[in-house]
Protein backbone atom coordinates (compact mmCIF):
# COMPACT_ATOMS: atom_id res chain seq x y z
CA UNK A 1 -57.78 -22.08 -10.17
CA UNK A 2 -55.68 -20.17 -13.16
CA UNK A 3 -55.66 -16.75 -11.67
CA UNK A 4 -53.50 -18.51 -8.30
CA UNK A 5 -51.26 -19.96 -11.12
CA UNK A 6 -50.44 -16.49 -12.18
CA UNK A 7 -50.12 -15.13 -8.93
CA UNK A 8 -48.33 -17.47 -8.01
CA UNK A 9 -45.83 -17.43 -11.08
CA UNK A 10 -45.69 -13.38 -10.58
CA UNK A 11 -44.79 -13.78 -6.81
CA UNK A 12 -41.86 -15.51 -7.44
CA UNK A 13 -40.74 -13.74 -10.79
CA UNK A 14 -40.05 -10.50 -9.04
CA UNK A 15 -37.35 -12.11 -6.13
CA UNK A 16 -36.21 -14.03 -9.14
CA UNK A 17 -35.40 -10.69 -11.28
CA UNK A 18 -34.08 -9.00 -7.97
CA UNK A 19 -31.56 -11.75 -7.82
CA UNK A 20 -30.78 -11.72 -11.44
CA UNK A 21 -30.19 -8.30 -11.54
CA UNK A 22 -27.65 -8.55 -8.08
CA UNK A 23 -25.36 -11.56 -10.02
CA UNK A 24 -25.35 -9.26 -13.22
CA UNK A 25 -24.29 -5.97 -11.46
CA UNK A 26 -22.09 -8.02 -9.00
CA UNK A 27 -20.53 -9.66 -12.41
CA UNK A 28 -19.96 -6.91 -13.63
CA UNK A 29 -17.88 -5.17 -11.25
CA UNK A 30 -15.59 -8.01 -10.89
CA UNK A 31 -14.51 -7.64 -14.48
CA UNK A 32 -13.29 -4.09 -13.18
CA UNK A 33 -9.63 -3.43 -13.20
CA UNK A 34 -7.93 -3.12 -10.30
CA UNK A 35 -5.70 0.03 -9.73
CA UNK A 36 -2.28 -0.49 -8.12
CA UNK A 37 -1.93 2.95 -6.16
CA UNK A 38 0.88 1.86 -3.82
CA UNK A 39 3.87 -0.41 -4.27
CA UNK A 40 6.12 -1.09 -1.12
CA UNK A 41 10.24 -2.27 -0.80
CA UNK A 42 11.18 -4.83 2.06
CA UNK A 43 14.77 -4.13 2.50
CA UNK A 44 17.59 -3.76 4.70
CA UNK A 45 19.59 -0.67 6.04
CA UNK A 46 22.55 -1.75 3.93
CA UNK A 47 20.41 -1.64 0.82
CA UNK A 48 19.44 1.84 1.04
CA UNK A 49 22.61 3.72 -0.96
CA UNK A 50 21.30 7.02 0.20
CA UNK A 51 18.87 8.83 2.38
CA UNK A 52 16.42 11.78 2.14
CA UNK A 53 17.92 14.23 4.34
CA UNK A 54 14.87 16.80 3.70
CA UNK A 55 11.65 17.07 2.20
CA UNK A 56 11.87 16.84 -1.65
CA UNK A 57 15.39 14.36 -1.22
CA UNK A 58 15.18 10.96 -2.43
CA UNK A 59 15.50 8.09 -1.47
CA UNK A 60 18.15 5.78 -3.01
CA UNK A 61 18.38 1.91 -2.70
CA UNK A 62 19.40 -0.95 -4.25
CA UNK A 63 17.22 -4.09 -4.21
CA UNK A 64 19.46 -6.48 -4.91
CA UNK A 65 22.75 -7.33 -5.63
CA UNK A 66 22.72 -6.98 -9.69
CA UNK A 67 20.05 -4.70 -9.68
CA UNK A 68 20.51 -0.95 -10.85
CA UNK A 69 20.08 1.43 -8.06
CA UNK A 70 15.83 3.49 -7.59
CA UNK A 71 15.37 6.90 -6.62
CA UNK A 72 12.38 7.33 -5.59
CA UNK A 73 11.46 11.09 -3.78
CA UNK A 74 10.35 12.42 -0.65
CA UNK A 75 7.50 14.98 -0.39
CA UNK A 76 5.72 17.38 2.20
CA UNK A 77 2.93 14.70 2.03
CA UNK A 78 5.64 11.70 2.77
CA UNK A 79 4.14 9.81 6.25
CA UNK A 80 7.35 8.48 8.52
CA UNK A 81 7.27 5.63 11.54
CA UNK A 82 9.57 4.12 13.06
CA UNK A 83 7.20 0.85 13.16
CA UNK A 84 4.09 -0.41 11.83
CA UNK A 85 1.08 1.28 13.97
CA UNK A 86 3.57 3.45 15.32
CA UNK A 87 2.72 6.94 15.55
CA UNK A 88 4.09 9.31 12.91
CA UNK A 89 7.82 10.81 13.65
CA UNK A 90 9.59 13.47 11.81
CA UNK A 91 12.04 12.28 9.12
CA UNK A 92 14.69 13.76 11.39
CA UNK A 93 13.36 11.89 14.16
CA UNK A 94 13.78 8.42 11.53
CA UNK A 95 17.15 9.44 10.48
CA UNK A 96 18.07 9.41 14.44
CA UNK A 97 16.46 6.52 15.53
CA UNK A 98 18.24 4.89 12.30
CA UNK A 99 21.51 6.18 13.16
CA UNK A 100 21.48 4.82 16.78
CA UNK A 101 20.22 1.52 14.87
CA UNK A 102 23.30 -0.22 16.75
CA UNK A 103 21.09 -1.16 19.59
CA UNK A 104 18.41 -2.98 17.95
CA UNK A 105 18.83 -6.66 16.53
CA UNK A 106 17.79 -5.72 13.03
CA UNK A 107 16.21 -2.66 11.17
CA UNK A 108 14.04 -3.24 8.72
CA UNK A 109 13.17 -0.20 6.36
CA UNK A 110 9.73 -0.54 4.25
CA UNK A 111 9.22 2.29 1.63
CA UNK A 112 6.17 2.61 -0.01
CA UNK A 113 5.36 4.41 -3.15
CA UNK A 114 3.40 5.66 -5.71
CA UNK A 115 4.65 3.72 -9.05
CA UNK A 116 3.27 6.50 -11.29
CA UNK A 117 5.08 9.48 -9.95
CA UNK A 118 8.07 7.29 -7.70
CA UNK A 119 6.98 9.24 -5.25
CA UNK A 120 7.20 7.81 -1.38
CA UNK A 121 4.01 7.93 0.39
CA UNK A 122 5.63 6.29 3.94
CA UNK A 123 8.67 5.41 5.29
CA UNK A 124 8.76 2.87 8.24
CA UNK A 125 11.58 1.59 10.12
CA UNK A 126 10.76 -1.98 10.88
CA UNK A 127 12.73 -2.23 13.99
CA UNK A 128 12.88 -6.02 15.77
CA UNK A 129 14.70 -5.51 19.58
């Protein structure tokens, strides 16, 4: 009789040990610091003081009336599109669409950038027709 009690205890201790180890591992990773890899600005076209004309140029924005201007560099890795979920386009095409903006009800600008380097990763026109 004593032997079956030991077997039951061992049978219960293995799953319990696994559960405790799993909870410990989950708890350990829950305290890991999050790394910000991209920040975003949601703007109106009137808040863009200067558009980049080619890769390597900056887009200069003013996020509010009392805010200082912010200069964010584009690069050869910067991606452009004329809407979320839309295919990538060239910078030249993006500027052409922006310039045709009178035909749209509203055009917003989403600028995604690396906060450490201030390099634009994505520039998206949010067109509302």
